[in-house]
Amino acid sequence: TVLQGDGNLWWTGAIVLGMRFAYQRNAEFIIWLNDDCQFTKET
């Protein structure tokens, strides 16, 4: 799913938009993930 911002969200605003979206869809857990992180299958 891609949520569109107008360039004025920055990190926190983008996270809030995503959290509201997830919360409204009954998310039990929310993961913040920056796209420059590299991790393993278990992480």
Full PDB file with SEQRES, HELIX, SHEET, SSBOND, CRYST1, ORIGX, SCALE, CONECT and MASTER records, all heavy atoms in Angstrom:
SEQRES   1 A   43  THR VAL LEU GLN GLY ASP GLY ASN LEU TRP TRP THR GLY          
SEQRES   2 A   43  ALA ILE VAL LEU GLY MET ARG PHE ALA TYR GLN ARG ASN          
SEQRES   3 A   43  ALA GLU PHE ILE ILE TRP LEU ASN ASP ASP CYS GLN PHE          
SEQRES   4 A   43  THR LYS GLU THR                                              
HELIX    1 AA1 TRP A   10  GLN A   24  1                                  15    
CRYST1    1.000    1.000    1.000  90.00  90.00  90.00 P 1           1          
ORIGX1      1.000000  0.000000  0.000000        0.00000                         
ORIGX2      0.000000  1.000000  0.000000        0.00000                         
ORIGX3      0.000000  0.000000  1.000000        0.00000                         
SCALE1      1.000000  0.000000  0.000000        0.00000                         
SCALE2      0.000000  1.000000  0.000000        0.00000                         
SCALE3      0.000000  0.000000  1.000000        0.00000                         
ATOM      1  N   THR A   1       0.848  -1.192   0.000  1.00  0.00           N  
ATOM      2  CA  THR A   1       0.000   0.000   0.000  1.00  0.00           C  
ATOM      3  C   THR A   1       0.883   1.242   0.000  1.00  0.00           C  
ATOM      4  O   THR A   1       1.845   1.320   0.767  1.00  0.00           O  
ATOM      5  CB  THR A   1      -0.914   0.024   1.236  1.00  0.00           C  
ATOM      6  OG1 THR A   1      -1.746  -1.135   1.220  1.00  0.00           O  
ATOM      7  CG2 THR A   1      -1.775   1.281   1.258  1.00  0.00           C  
ATOM      8  N   VAL A   2       0.564   2.204  -0.871  1.00  0.00           N  
ATOM      9  CA  VAL A   2       1.305   3.460  -0.920  1.00  0.00           C  
ATOM     10  C   VAL A   2       0.370   4.594  -0.522  1.00  0.00           C  
ATOM     11  O   VAL A   2      -0.670   4.810  -1.154  1.00  0.00           O  
ATOM     12  CB  VAL A   2       1.895   3.726  -2.318  1.00  0.00           C  
ATOM     13  CG1 VAL A   2       2.632   5.079  -2.337  1.00  0.00           C  
ATOM     14  CG2 VAL A   2       2.849   2.604  -2.728  1.00  0.00           C  
ATOM     15  N   LEU A   3       0.736   5.306   0.555  1.00  0.00           N  
ATOM     16  CA  LEU A   3       0.006   6.505   0.964  1.00  0.00           C  
ATOM     17  C   LEU A   3       0.782   7.721   0.479  1.00  0.00           C  
ATOM     18  O   LEU A   3       1.991   7.806   0.688  1.00  0.00           O  
ATOM     19  CB  LEU A   3      -0.148   6.555   2.493  1.00  0.00           C  
ATOM     20  CG  LEU A   3      -0.806   5.353   3.158  1.00  0.00           C  
ATOM     21  CD1 LEU A   3      -0.881   5.579   4.673  1.00  0.00           C  
ATOM     22  CD2 LEU A   3      -2.196   5.100   2.590  1.00  0.00           C  
ATOM     23  N   GLN A   4       0.096   8.648  -0.137  1.00  0.00           N  
ATOM     24  CA  GLN A   4       0.768   9.802  -0.728  1.00  0.00           C  
ATOM     25  C   GLN A   4       0.723  11.014   0.197  1.00  0.00           C  
ATOM     26  O   GLN A   4      -0.313  11.336   0.765  1.00  0.00           O  
ATOM     27  CB  GLN A   4       0.119  10.159  -2.068  1.00  0.00           C  
ATOM     28  CG  GLN A   4       0.331   9.126  -3.161  1.00  0.00           C  
ATOM     29  CD  GLN A   4       1.775   9.035  -3.629  1.00  0.00           C  
ATOM     30  OE1 GLN A   4       2.577   9.932  -3.390  1.00  0.00           O  
ATOM     31  NE2 GLN A   4       2.117   7.947  -4.297  1.00  0.00           N  
ATOM     32  N   GLY A   5       1.880  11.670   0.329  1.00  0.00           N  
ATOM     33  CA  GLY A   5       1.975  12.946   1.018  1.00  0.00           C  
ATOM     34  C   GLY A   5       2.277  14.040   0.004  1.00  0.00           C  
ATOM     35  O   GLY A   5       2.535  13.761  -1.172  1.00  0.00           O  
ATOM     36  N   ASP A   6       2.289  15.275   0.476  1.00  0.00           N  
ATOM     37  CA  ASP A   6       2.518  16.400  -0.432  1.00  0.00           C  
ATOM     38  C   ASP A   6       3.920  16.984  -0.316  1.00  0.00           C  
ATOM     39  O   ASP A   6       4.205  18.048  -0.860  1.00  0.00           O  
ATOM     40  CB  ASP A   6       1.482  17.498  -0.168  1.00  0.00           C  
ATOM     41  CG  ASP A   6       1.555  18.046   1.256  1.00  0.00           C  
ATOM     42  OD1 ASP A   6       2.429  17.613   2.029  1.00  0.00           O  
ATOM     43  OD2 ASP A   6       0.713  18.909   1.589  1.00  0.00           O  
ATOM     44  N   GLY A   7       4.815  16.293   0.400  1.00  0.00           N  
ATOM     45  CA  GLY A   7       6.165  16.791   0.578  1.00  0.00           C  
ATOM     46  C   GLY A   7       6.366  17.561   1.864  1.00  0.00           C  
ATOM     47  O   GLY A   7       7.482  17.991   2.164  1.00  0.00           O  
ATOM     48  N   ASN A   8       5.298  17.721   2.645  1.00  0.00           N  
ATOM     49  CA  ASN A   8       5.385  18.477   3.891  1.00  0.00           C  
ATOM     50  C   ASN A   8       5.191  17.609   5.131  1.00  0.00           C  
ATOM     51  O   ASN A   8       5.077  18.137   6.232  1.00  0.00           O  
ATOM     52  CB  ASN A   8       4.333  19.595   3.892  1.00  0.00           C  
ATOM     53  CG  ASN A   8       4.614  20.639   2.828  1.00  0.00           C  
ATOM     54  OD1 ASN A   8       5.710  21.180   2.758  1.00  0.00           O  
ATOM     55  ND2 ASN A   8       3.629  20.903   1.979  1.00  0.00           N  
ATOM     56  N   LEU A   9       5.160  16.294   4.958  1.00  0.00           N  
ATOM     57  CA  LEU A   9       4.959  15.413   6.115  1.00  0.00           C  
ATOM     58  C   LEU A   9       6.243  15.241   6.923  1.00  0.00           C  
ATOM     59  O   LEU A   9       6.210  15.194   8.139  1.00  0.00           O  
ATOM     60  CB  LEU A   9       4.475  14.037   5.648  1.00  0.00           C  
ATOM     61  CG  LEU A   9       3.069  13.947   5.075  1.00  0.00           C  
ATOM     62  CD1 LEU A   9       2.819  12.527   4.554  1.00  0.00           C  
ATOM     63  CD2 LEU A   9       2.031  14.318   6.126  1.00  0.00           C  
ATOM     64  N   TRP A  10       7.365  15.110   6.230  1.00  0.00           N  
ATOM     65  CA  TRP A  10       8.621  14.766   6.847  1.00  0.00           C  
ATOM     66  C   TRP A  10       8.473  13.431   7.586  1.00  0.00           C  
ATOM     67  O   TRP A  10       7.500  12.721   7.377  1.00  0.00           O  
ATOM     68  CB  TRP A  10       9.121  15.891   7.752  1.00  0.00           C  
ATOM     69  CG  TRP A  10       9.426  17.142   6.961  1.00  0.00           C  
ATOM     70  CD1 TRP A  10       8.525  18.125   6.606  1.00  0.00           C  
ATOM     71  CD2 TRP A  10      10.671  17.503   6.362  1.00  0.00           C  
ATOM     72  NE1 TRP A  10       9.142  19.086   5.848  1.00  0.00           N  
ATOM     73  CE2 TRP A  10      10.464  18.732   5.696  1.00  0.00           C  
ATOM     74  CE3 TRP A  10      11.947  16.947   6.358  1.00  0.00           C  
ATOM     75  CZ2 TRP A  10      11.488  19.389   5.002  1.00  0.00           C  
ATOM     76  CZ3 TRP A  10      12.955  17.600   5.684  1.00  0.00           C  
ATOM     77  CH2 TRP A  10      12.723  18.800   5.012  1.00  0.00           C  
ATOM     78  N   TRP A  11       9.469  13.061   8.421  1.00  0.00           N  
ATOM     79  CA  TRP A  11       9.436  11.714   9.000  1.00  0.00           C  
ATOM     80  C   TRP A  11       8.252  11.532   9.947  1.00  0.00           C  
ATOM     81  O   TRP A  11       7.480  10.580   9.827  1.00  0.00           O  
ATOM     82  CB  TRP A  11      10.745  11.423   9.760  1.00  0.00           C  
ATOM     83  CG  TRP A  11      10.818   9.998  10.247  1.00  0.00           C  
ATOM     84  CD1 TRP A  11      11.317   8.923   9.561  1.00  0.00           C  
ATOM     85  CD2 TRP A  11      10.343   9.487  11.501  1.00  0.00           C  
ATOM     86  NE1 TRP A  11      11.192   7.777  10.318  1.00  0.00           N  
ATOM     87  CE2 TRP A  11      10.599   8.095  11.517  1.00  0.00           C  
ATOM     88  CE3 TRP A  11       9.734  10.068  12.617  1.00  0.00           C  
ATOM     89  CZ2 TRP A  11      10.269   7.277  12.602  1.00  0.00           C  
ATOM     90  CZ3 TRP A  11       9.397   9.251  13.695  1.00  0.00           C  
ATOM     91  CH2 TRP A  11       9.671   7.867  13.675  1.00  0.00           C  
ATOM     92  N   THR A  12       8.094  12.444  10.877  1.00  0.00           N  
ATOM     93  CA  THR A  12       7.067  12.242  11.903  1.00  0.00           C  
ATOM     94  C   THR A  12       5.670  12.300  11.316  1.00  0.00           C  
ATOM     95  O   THR A  12       4.801  11.485  11.649  1.00  0.00           O  
ATOM     96  CB  THR A  12       7.212  13.270  13.036  1.00  0.00           C  
ATOM     97  OG1 THR A  12       8.581  13.315  13.462  1.00  0.00           O  
ATOM     98  CG2 THR A  12       6.329  12.917  14.212  1.00  0.00           C  
ATOM     99  N   GLY A  13       5.426  13.246  10.425  1.00  0.00           N  
ATOM    100  CA  GLY A  13       4.110  13.349   9.796  1.00  0.00           C  
ATOM    101  C   GLY A  13       3.783  12.112   8.980  1.00  0.00           C  
ATOM    102  O   GLY A  13       2.635  11.638   8.967  1.00  0.00           O  
ATOM    103  N   ALA A  14       4.794  11.573   8.289  1.00  0.00           N  
ATOM    104  CA  ALA A  14       4.575  10.360   7.497  1.00  0.00           C  
ATOM    105  C   ALA A  14       4.262   9.176   8.408  1.00  0.00           C  
ATOM    106  O   ALA A  14       3.361   8.372   8.125  1.00  0.00           O  
ATOM    107  CB  ALA A  14       5.813  10.073   6.649  1.00  0.00           C  
ATOM    108  N   ILE A  15       4.981   9.076   9.520  1.00  0.00           N  
ATOM    109  CA  ILE A  15       4.731   7.990  10.469  1.00  0.00           C  
ATOM    110  C   ILE A  15       3.332   8.109  11.068  1.00  0.00           C  
ATOM    111  O   ILE A  15       2.608   7.111  11.228  1.00  0.00           O  
ATOM    112  CB  ILE A  15       5.809   7.991  11.575  1.00  0.00           C  
ATOM    113  CG1 ILE A  15       7.111   7.388  11.042  1.00  0.00           C  
ATOM    114  CG2 ILE A  15       5.338   7.248  12.815  1.00  0.00           C  
ATOM    115  CD1 ILE A  15       7.036   5.910  10.704  1.00  0.00           C  
ATOM    116  N   VAL A  16       2.915   9.323  11.390  1.00  0.00           N  
ATOM    117  CA  VAL A  16       1.566   9.519  11.944  1.00  0.00           C  
ATOM    118  C   VAL A  16       0.505   9.105  10.932  1.00  0.00           C  
ATOM    119  O   VAL A  16      -0.473   8.420  11.276  1.00  0.00           O  
ATOM    120  CB  VAL A  16       1.362  10.980  12.386  1.00  0.00           C  
ATOM    121  CG1 VAL A  16      -0.105  11.236  12.733  1.00  0.00           C  
ATOM    122  CG2 VAL A  16       2.238  11.305  13.584  1.00  0.00           C  
ATOM    123  N   LEU A  17       0.680   9.502   9.670  1.00  0.00           N  
ATOM    124  CA  LEU A  17      -0.274   9.111   8.626  1.00  0.00           C  
ATOM    125  C   LEU A  17      -0.362   7.593   8.523  1.00  0.00           C  
ATOM    126  O   LEU A  17      -1.452   7.014   8.452  1.00  0.00           O  
ATOM    127  CB  LEU A  17       0.145   9.715   7.286  1.00  0.00           C  
ATOM    128  CG  LEU A  17      -0.762   9.411   6.090  1.00  0.00           C  
ATOM    129  CD1 LEU A  17      -2.166   9.968   6.305  1.00  0.00           C  
ATOM    130  CD2 LEU A  17      -0.154   9.984   4.800  1.00  0.00           C  
ATOM    131  N   GLY A  18       0.802   6.941   8.548  1.00  0.00           N  
ATOM    132  CA  GLY A  18       0.815   5.478   8.476  1.00  0.00           C  
ATOM    133  C   GLY A  18       0.207   4.823   9.706  1.00  0.00           C  
ATOM    134  O   GLY A  18      -0.523   3.836   9.601  1.00  0.00           O  
ATOM    135  N   MET A  19       0.500   5.385  10.882  1.00  0.00           N  
ATOM    136  CA  MET A  19      -0.046   4.812  12.114  1.00  0.00           C  
ATOM    137  C   MET A  19      -1.568   4.933  12.158  1.00  0.00           C  
ATOM    138  O   MET A  19      -2.259   4.007  12.596  1.00  0.00           O  
ATOM    139  CB  MET A  19       0.580   5.482  13.334  1.00  0.00           C  
ATOM    140  CG  MET A  19       2.038   5.098  13.567  1.00  0.00           C  
ATOM    141  SD  MET A  19       2.807   5.954  14.982  1.00  0.00           S  
ATOM    142  CE  MET A  19       1.944   5.169  16.363  1.00  0.00           C  
ATOM    143  N   ARG A  20      -2.096   6.055  11.731  1.00  0.00           N  
ATOM    144  CA  ARG A  20      -3.554   6.217  11.687  1.00  0.00           C  
ATOM    145  C   ARG A  20      -4.177   5.199  10.737  1.00  0.00           C  
ATOM    146  O   ARG A  20      -5.204   4.576  11.042  1.00  0.00           O  
ATOM    147  CB  ARG A  20      -3.917   7.642  11.254  1.00  0.00           C  
ATOM    148  CG  ARG A  20      -3.580   8.717  12.282  1.00  0.00           C  
ATOM    149  CD  ARG A  20      -4.090  10.075  11.829  1.00  0.00           C  
ATOM    150  NE  ARG A  20      -3.680  11.136  12.727  1.00  0.00           N  
ATOM    151  CZ  ARG A  20      -4.299  11.445  13.869  1.00  0.00           C  
ATOM    152  NH1 ARG A  20      -5.375  10.754  14.232  1.00  0.00           N  
ATOM    153  NH2 ARG A  20      -3.862  12.424  14.640  1.00  0.00           N  
ATOM    154  N   PHE A  21      -3.544   5.020   9.583  1.00  0.00           N  
ATOM    155  CA  PHE A  21      -4.023   4.051   8.598  1.00  0.00           C  
ATOM    156  C   PHE A  21      -4.029   2.651   9.196  1.00  0.00           C  
ATOM    157  O   PHE A  21      -5.010   1.907   9.088  1.00  0.00           O  
ATOM    158  CB  PHE A  21      -3.125   4.116   7.359  1.00  0.00           C  
ATOM    159  CG  PHE A  21      -3.507   3.163   6.262  1.00  0.00           C  
ATOM    160  CD1 PHE A  21      -4.440   3.525   5.305  1.00  0.00           C  
ATOM    161  CD2 PHE A  21      -2.916   1.899   6.181  1.00  0.00           C  
ATOM    162  CE1 PHE A  21      -4.784   2.638   4.278  1.00  0.00           C  
ATOM    163  CE2 PHE A  21      -3.267   1.015   5.173  1.00  0.00           C  
ATOM    164  CZ  PHE A  21      -4.207   1.394   4.220  1.00  0.00           C  
ATOM    165  N   ALA A  22      -2.926   2.272   9.842  1.00  0.00           N  
ATOM    166  CA  ALA A  22      -2.804   0.933  10.430  1.00  0.00           C  
ATOM    167  C   ALA A  22      -3.782   0.744  11.583  1.00  0.00           C  
ATOM    168  O   ALA A  22      -4.433  -0.304  11.698  1.00  0.00           O  
ATOM    169  CB  ALA A  22      -1.364   0.708  10.898  1.00  0.00           C  
ATOM    170  N   TYR A  23      -3.897   1.755  12.435  1.00  0.00           N  
ATOM    171  CA  TYR A  23      -4.774   1.661  13.600  1.00  0.00           C  
ATOM    172  C   TYR A  23      -6.223   1.449  13.169  1.00  0.00           C  
ATOM    173  O   TYR A  23      -6.952   0.635  13.748  1.00  0.00           O  
ATOM    174  CB  TYR A  23      -4.643   2.921  14.439  1.00  0.00           C  
ATOM    175  CG  TYR A  23      -5.400   2.868  15.749  1.00  0.00           C  
ATOM    176  CD1 TYR A  23      -4.798   2.364  16.901  1.00  0.00           C  
ATOM    177  CD2 TYR A  23      -6.717   3.315  15.836  1.00  0.00           C  
ATOM    178  CE1 TYR A  23      -5.489   2.302  18.103  1.00  0.00           C  
ATOM    179  CE2 TYR A  23      -7.419   3.253  17.039  1.00  0.00           C  
ATOM    180  CZ  TYR A  23      -6.801   2.747  18.163  1.00  0.00           C  
ATOM    181  OH  TYR A  23      -7.487   2.679  19.352  1.00  0.00           O  
ATOM    182  N   GLN A  24      -6.645   2.196  12.143  1.00  0.00           N  
ATOM    183  CA  GLN A  24      -8.021   2.079  11.652  1.00  0.00           C  
ATOM    184  C   GLN A  24      -8.301   0.717  11.042  1.00  0.00           C  
ATOM    185  O   GLN A  24      -9.459   0.327  10.891  1.00  0.00           O  
ATOM    186  CB  GLN A  24      -8.303   3.182  10.632  1.00  0.00           C  
ATOM    187  CG  GLN A  24      -8.335   4.578  11.252  1.00  0.00           C  
ATOM    188  CD  GLN A  24      -8.279   5.683  10.210  1.00  0.00           C  
ATOM    189  OE1 GLN A  24      -8.241   5.420   8.999  1.00  0.00           O  
ATOM    190  NE2 GLN A  24      -8.254   6.921  10.665  1.00  0.00           N  
ATOM    191  N   ARG A  25      -7.232  -0.005  10.681  1.00  0.00           N  
ATOM    192  CA  ARG A  25      -7.388  -1.341  10.096  1.00  0.00           C  
ATOM    193  C   ARG A  25      -7.016  -2.439  11.096  1.00  0.00           C  
ATOM    194  O   ARG A  25      -6.622  -3.531  10.713  1.00  0.00           O  
ATOM    195  CB  ARG A  25      -6.552  -1.430   8.809  1.00  0.00           C  
ATOM    196  CG  ARG A  25      -7.238  -0.659   7.664  1.00  0.00           C  
ATOM    197  CD  ARG A  25      -6.297  -0.170   6.611  1.00  0.00           C  
ATOM    198  NE  ARG A  25      -7.049   0.614   5.619  1.00  0.00           N  
ATOM    199  CZ  ARG A  25      -7.413   1.887   5.802  1.00  0.00           C  
ATOM    200  NH1 ARG A  25      -7.107   2.519   6.922  1.00  0.00           N  
ATOM    201  NH2 ARG A  25      -8.099   2.515   4.858  1.00  0.00           N  
ATOM    202  N   ASN A  26      -7.168  -2.090  12.370  1.00  0.00           N  
ATOM    203  CA  ASN A  26      -7.047  -3.056  13.468  1.00  0.00           C  
ATOM    204  C   ASN A  26      -5.655  -3.652  13.626  1.00  0.00           C  
ATOM    205  O   ASN A  26      -5.509  -4.821  14.025  1.00  0.00           O  
ATOM    206  CB  ASN A  26      -8.077  -4.178  13.299  1.00  0.00           C  
ATOM    207  CG  ASN A  26      -9.498  -3.649  13.290  1.00  0.00           C  
ATOM    208  OD1 ASN A  26      -9.852  -2.804  14.115  1.00  0.00           O  
ATOM    209  ND2 ASN A  26     -10.301  -4.117  12.343  1.00  0.00           N  
ATOM    210  N   ALA A  27      -4.637  -2.873  13.338  1.00  0.00           N  
ATOM    211  CA  ALA A  27      -3.270  -3.343  13.570  1.00  0.00           C  
ATOM    212  C   ALA A  27      -3.089  -3.669  15.045  1.00  0.00           C  
ATOM    213  O   ALA A  27      -3.469  -2.892  15.914  1.00  0.00           O  
ATOM    214  CB  ALA A  27      -2.269  -2.277  13.150  1.00  0.00           C  
ATOM    215  N   GLU A  28      -2.494  -4.824  15.312  1.00  0.00           N  
ATOM    216  CA  GLU A  28      -2.146  -5.189  16.686  1.00  0.00           C  
ATOM    217  C   GLU A  28      -0.751  -4.676  17.044  1.00  0.00           C  
ATOM    218  O   GLU A  28      -0.488  -4.321  18.188  1.00  0.00           O  
ATOM    219  CB  GLU A  28      -2.207  -6.703  16.855  1.00  0.00           C  
ATOM    220  CG  GLU A  28      -3.604  -7.286  16.656  1.00  0.00           C  
ATOM    221  CD  GLU A  28      -3.591  -8.795  16.695  1.00  0.00           C  
ATOM    222  OE1 GLU A  28      -3.265  -9.339  17.772  1.00  0.00           O  
ATOM    223  OE2 GLU A  28      -3.881  -9.434  15.657  1.00  0.00           O  
ATOM    224  N   PHE A  29       0.110  -4.673  16.030  1.00  0.00           N  
ATOM    225  CA  PHE A  29       1.468  -4.162  16.221  1.00  0.00           C  
ATOM    226  C   PHE A  29       1.847  -3.312  15.012  1.00  0.00           C  
ATOM    227  O   PHE A  29       1.437  -3.594  13.885  1.00  0.00           O  
ATOM    228  CB  PHE A  29       2.472  -5.304  16.390  1.00  0.00           C  
ATOM    229  CG  PHE A  29       2.158  -6.203  17.558  1.00  0.00           C  
ATOM    230  CD1 PHE A  29       1.493  -7.397  17.361  1.00  0.00           C  
ATOM    231  CD2 PHE A  29       2.501  -5.825  18.852  1.00  0.00           C  
ATOM    232  CE1 PHE A  29       1.186  -8.227  18.427  1.00  0.00           C  
ATOM    233  CE2 PHE A  29       2.187  -6.647  19.927  1.00  0.00           C  
ATOM    234  CZ  PHE A  29       1.533  -7.843  19.720  1.00  0.00           C  
ATOM    235  N   ILE A  30       2.640  -2.299  15.259  1.00  0.00           N  
ATOM    236  CA  ILE A  30       3.094  -1.393  14.214  1.00  0.00           C  
ATOM    237  C   ILE A  30       4.615  -1.358  14.231  1.00  0.00           C  
ATOM    238  O   ILE A  30       5.227  -1.223  15.295  1.00  0.00           O  
ATOM    239  CB  ILE A  30       2.529   0.022  14.433  1.00  0.00           C  
ATOM    240  CG1 ILE A  30       1.005   0.017  14.251  1.00  0.00           C  
ATOM    241  CG2 ILE A  30       3.183   1.032  13.488  1.00  0.00           C  
ATOM    242  CD1 ILE A  30       0.330   1.306  14.676  1.00  0.00           C  
ATOM    243  N   ILE A  31       5.218  -1.504  13.059  1.00  0.00           N  
ATOM    244  CA  ILE A  31       6.673  -1.425  12.933  1.00  0.00           C  
ATOM    245  C   ILE A  31       7.045  -0.183  12.146  1.00  0.00           C  
ATOM    246  O   ILE A  31       6.565   0.017  11.026  1.00  0.00           O  
ATOM    247  CB  ILE A  31       7.243  -2.677  12.227  1.00  0.00           C  
ATOM    248  CG1 ILE A  31       7.018  -3.931  13.090  1.00  0.00           C  
ATOM    249  CG2 ILE A  31       8.730  -2.501  11.926  1.00  0.00           C  
ATOM    250  CD1 ILE A  31       7.433  -5.223  12.414  1.00  0.00           C  
ATOM    251  N   TRP A  32       7.871   0.658  12.750  1.00  0.00           N  
ATOM    252  CA  TRP A  32       8.482   1.763  12.006  1.00  0.00           C  
ATOM    253  C   TRP A  32       9.733   1.208  11.332  1.00  0.00           C  
ATOM    254  O   TRP A  32      10.560   0.547  11.967  1.00  0.00           O  
ATOM    255  CB  TRP A  32       8.929   2.874  12.937  1.00  0.00           C  
ATOM    256  CG  TRP A  32       7.874   3.527  13.770  1.00  0.00           C  
ATOM    257  CD1 TRP A  32       6.522   3.493  13.589  1.00  0.00           C  
ATOM    258  CD2 TRP A  32       8.095   4.344  14.931  1.00  0.00           C  
ATOM    259  NE1 TRP A  32       5.887   4.220  14.551  1.00  0.00           N  
ATOM    260  CE2 TRP A  32       6.837   4.758  15.399  1.00  0.00           C  
ATOM    261  CE3 TRP A  32       9.229   4.751  15.618  1.00  0.00           C  
ATOM    262  CZ2 TRP A  32       6.684   5.568  16.519  1.00  0.00           C  
ATOM    263  CZ3 TRP A  32       9.102   5.556  16.733  1.00  0.00           C  
ATOM    264  CH2 TRP A  32       7.827   5.965  17.176  1.00  0.00           C  
ATOM    265  N   LEU A  33       9.896   1.492  10.054  1.00  0.00           N  
ATOM    266  CA  LEU A  33      11.074   0.987   9.334  1.00  0.00           C  
ATOM    267  C   LEU A  33      11.582   2.035   8.356  1.00  0.00           C  
ATOM    268  O   LEU A  33      10.874   2.402   7.418  1.00  0.00           O  
ATOM    269  CB  LEU A  33      10.727  -0.306   8.581  1.00  0.00           C  
ATOM    270  CG  LEU A  33      11.847  -0.914   7.728  1.00  0.00           C  
ATOM    271  CD1 LEU A  33      13.029  -1.332   8.603  1.00  0.00           C  
ATOM    272  CD2 LEU A  33      11.319  -2.094   6.910  1.00  0.00           C  
ATOM    273  N   ASN A  34      12.790   2.516   8.565  1.00  0.00           N  
ATOM    274  CA  ASN A  34      13.426   3.391   7.586  1.00  0.00           C  
ATOM    275  C   ASN A  34      13.976   2.546   6.447  1.00  0.00           C  
ATOM    276  O   ASN A  34      14.528   1.458   6.672  1.00  0.00           O  
ATOM    277  CB  ASN A  34      14.538   4.212   8.230  1.00  0.00           C  
ATOM    278  CG  ASN A  34      13.998   5.362   9.071  1.00  0.00           C  
ATOM    279  OD1 ASN A  34      12.781   5.510   9.219  1.00  0.00           O  
ATOM    280  ND2 ASN A  34      14.884   6.158   9.619  1.00  0.00           N  
ATOM    281  N   ASP A  35      13.867   3.052   5.231  1.00  0.00           N  
ATOM    282  CA  ASP A  35      14.198   2.219   4.071  1.00  0.00           C  
ATOM    283  C   ASP A  35      15.690   1.975   3.889  1.00  0.00           C  
ATOM    284  O   ASP A  35      16.083   1.169   3.043  1.00  0.00           O  
ATOM    285  CB  ASP A  35      13.587   2.796   2.787  1.00  0.00           C  
ATOM    286  CG  ASP A  35      14.112   4.169   2.429  1.00  0.00           C  
ATOM    287  OD1 ASP A  35      14.942   4.723   3.175  1.00  0.00           O  
ATOM    288  OD2 ASP A  35      13.680   4.713   1.381  1.00  0.00           O  
ATOM    289  N   ASP A  36      16.540   2.634   4.669  1.00  0.00           N  
ATOM    290  CA  ASP A  36      17.976   2.389   4.545  1.00  0.00           C  
ATOM    291  C   ASP A  36      18.490   1.377   5.565  1.00  0.00           C  
ATOM    292  O   ASP A  36      19.694   1.207   5.732  1.00  0.00           O  
ATOM    293  CB  ASP A  36      18.774   3.689   4.644  1.00  0.00           C  
ATOM    294  CG  ASP A  36      18.480   4.485   5.907  1.00  0.00           C  
ATOM    295  OD1 ASP A  36      17.774   3.953   6.793  1.00  0.00           O  
ATOM    296  OD2 ASP A  36      18.937   5.630   6.006  1.00  0.00           O  
ATOM    297  N   CYS A  37      17.570   0.681   6.263  1.00  0.00           N  
ATOM    298  CA  CYS A  37      17.966  -0.380   7.193  1.00  0.00           C  
ATOM    299  C   CYS A  37      18.138  -1.700   6.445  1.00  0.00           C  
ATOM    300  O   CYS A  37      17.326  -2.046   5.584  1.00  0.00           O  
ATOM    301  CB  CYS A  37      16.918  -0.567   8.287  1.00  0.00           C  
ATOM    302  SG  CYS A  37      16.907   0.742   9.520  1.00  0.00           S  
ATOM    303  N   GLN A  38      19.178  -2.436   6.792  1.00  0.00           N  
ATOM    304  CA  GLN A  38      19.413  -3.774   6.257  1.00  0.00           C  
ATOM    305  C   GLN A  38      19.369  -4.756   7.413  1.00  0.00           C  
ATOM    306  O   GLN A  38      20.048  -4.556   8.426  1.00  0.00           O  
ATOM    307  CB  GLN A  38      20.760  -3.827   5.530  1.00  0.00           C  
ATOM    308  CG  GLN A  38      20.816  -2.899   4.324  1.00  0.00           C  
ATOM    309  CD  GLN A  38      22.158  -2.945   3.618  1.00  0.00           C  
ATOM    310  OE1 GLN A  38      23.142  -3.478   4.124  1.00  0.00           O  
ATOM    311  NE2 GLN A  38      22.210  -2.373   2.423  1.00  0.00           N  
ATOM    312  N   PHE A  39      18.590  -5.838   7.252  1.00  0.00           N  
ATOM    313  CA  PHE A  39      18.333  -6.738   8.378  1.00  0.00           C  
ATOM    314  C   PHE A  39      18.183  -8.164   7.881  1.00  0.00           C  
ATOM    315  O   PHE A  39      18.248  -8.427   6.667  1.00  0.00           O  
ATOM    316  CB  PHE A  39      17.072  -6.287   9.122  1.00  0.00           C  
ATOM    317  CG  PHE A  39      15.907  -5.982   8.209  1.00  0.00           C  
ATOM    318  CD1 PHE A  39      14.982  -6.954   7.885  1.00  0.00           C  
ATOM    319  CD2 PHE A  39      15.752  -4.708   7.661  1.00  0.00           C  
ATOM    320  CE1 PHE A  39      13.923  -6.686   7.033  1.00  0.00           C  
ATOM    321  CE2 PHE A  39      14.688  -4.424   6.813  1.00  0.00           C  
ATOM    322  CZ  PHE A  39      13.773  -5.409   6.502  1.00  0.00           C  
ATOM    323  N   THR A  40      17.977  -9.109   8.806  1.00  0.00           N  
ATOM    324  CA  THR A  40      17.910 -10.521   8.460  1.00  0.00           C  
ATOM    325  C   THR A  40      16.473 -11.040   8.521  1.00  0.00           C  
ATOM    326  O   THR A  40      15.550 -10.328   8.924  1.00  0.00           O  
ATOM    327  CB  THR A  40      18.771 -11.362   9.424  1.00  0.00           C  
ATOM    328  OG1 THR A  40      18.129 -11.394  10.712  1.00  0.00           O  
ATOM    329  CG2 THR A  40      20.168 -10.760   9.580  1.00  0.00           C  
ATOM    330  N   LYS A  41      16.328 -12.293   8.172  1.00  0.00           N  
ATOM    331  CA  LYS A  41      15.005 -12.922   8.153  1.00  0.00           C  
ATOM    332  C   LYS A  41      14.383 -12.982   9.542  1.00  0.00           C  
ATOM    333  O   LYS A  41      13.156 -12.955   9.680  1.00  0.00           O  
ATOM    334  CB  LYS A  41      15.129 -14.332   7.574  1.00  0.00           C  
ATOM    335  CG  LYS A  41      13.811 -15.049   7.377  1.00  0.00           C  
ATOM    336  CD  LYS A  41      14.008 -16.376   6.659  1.00  0.00           C  
ATOM    337  CE  LYS A  41      12.676 -17.069   6.396  1.00  0.00           C  
ATOM    338  NZ  LYS A  41      12.851 -18.343   5.657  1.00  0.00           N  
ATOM    339  N   GLU A  42      15.203 -13.045  10.574  1.00  0.00           N  
ATOM    340  CA  GLU A  42      14.691 -13.174  11.935  1.00  0.00           C  
ATOM    341  C   GLU A  42      14.371 -11.838  12.594  1.00  0.00           C  
ATOM    342  O   GLU A  42      13.668 -11.797  13.614  1.00  0.00           O  
ATOM    343  CB  GLU A  42      15.711 -13.915  12.813  1.00  0.00           C  
ATOM    344  CG  GLU A  42      15.968 -15.359  12.424  1.00  0.00           C  
ATOM    345  CD  GLU A  42      16.913 -15.490  11.236  1.00  0.00           C  
ATOM    346  OE1 GLU A  42      17.651 -14.509  10.965  1.00  0.00           O  
ATOM    347  OE2 GLU A  42      16.907 -16.545  10.583  1.00  0.00           O  
ATOM    348  N   THR A  43      14.865 -10.743  12.026  1.00  0.00           N  
ATOM    349  CA  THR A  43      14.826  -9.463  12.733  1.00  0.00           C  
ATOM    350  C   THR A  43      13.415  -9.019  13.092  1.00  0.00           C  
ATOM    351  O   THR A  43      13.101  -8.781  14.267  1.00  0.00           O  
ATOM    352  CB  THR A  43      15.516  -8.367  11.894  1.00  0.00           C  
ATOM    353  OG1 THR A  43      16.880  -8.745  11.656  1.00  0.00           O  
ATOM    354  CG2 THR A  43      15.484  -7.037  12.625  1.00  0.00           C  
TER     355      THR A  43                                                      
MASTER        0    0    0    1    0    0    0    6  354    1    0    4          
END                                                                             
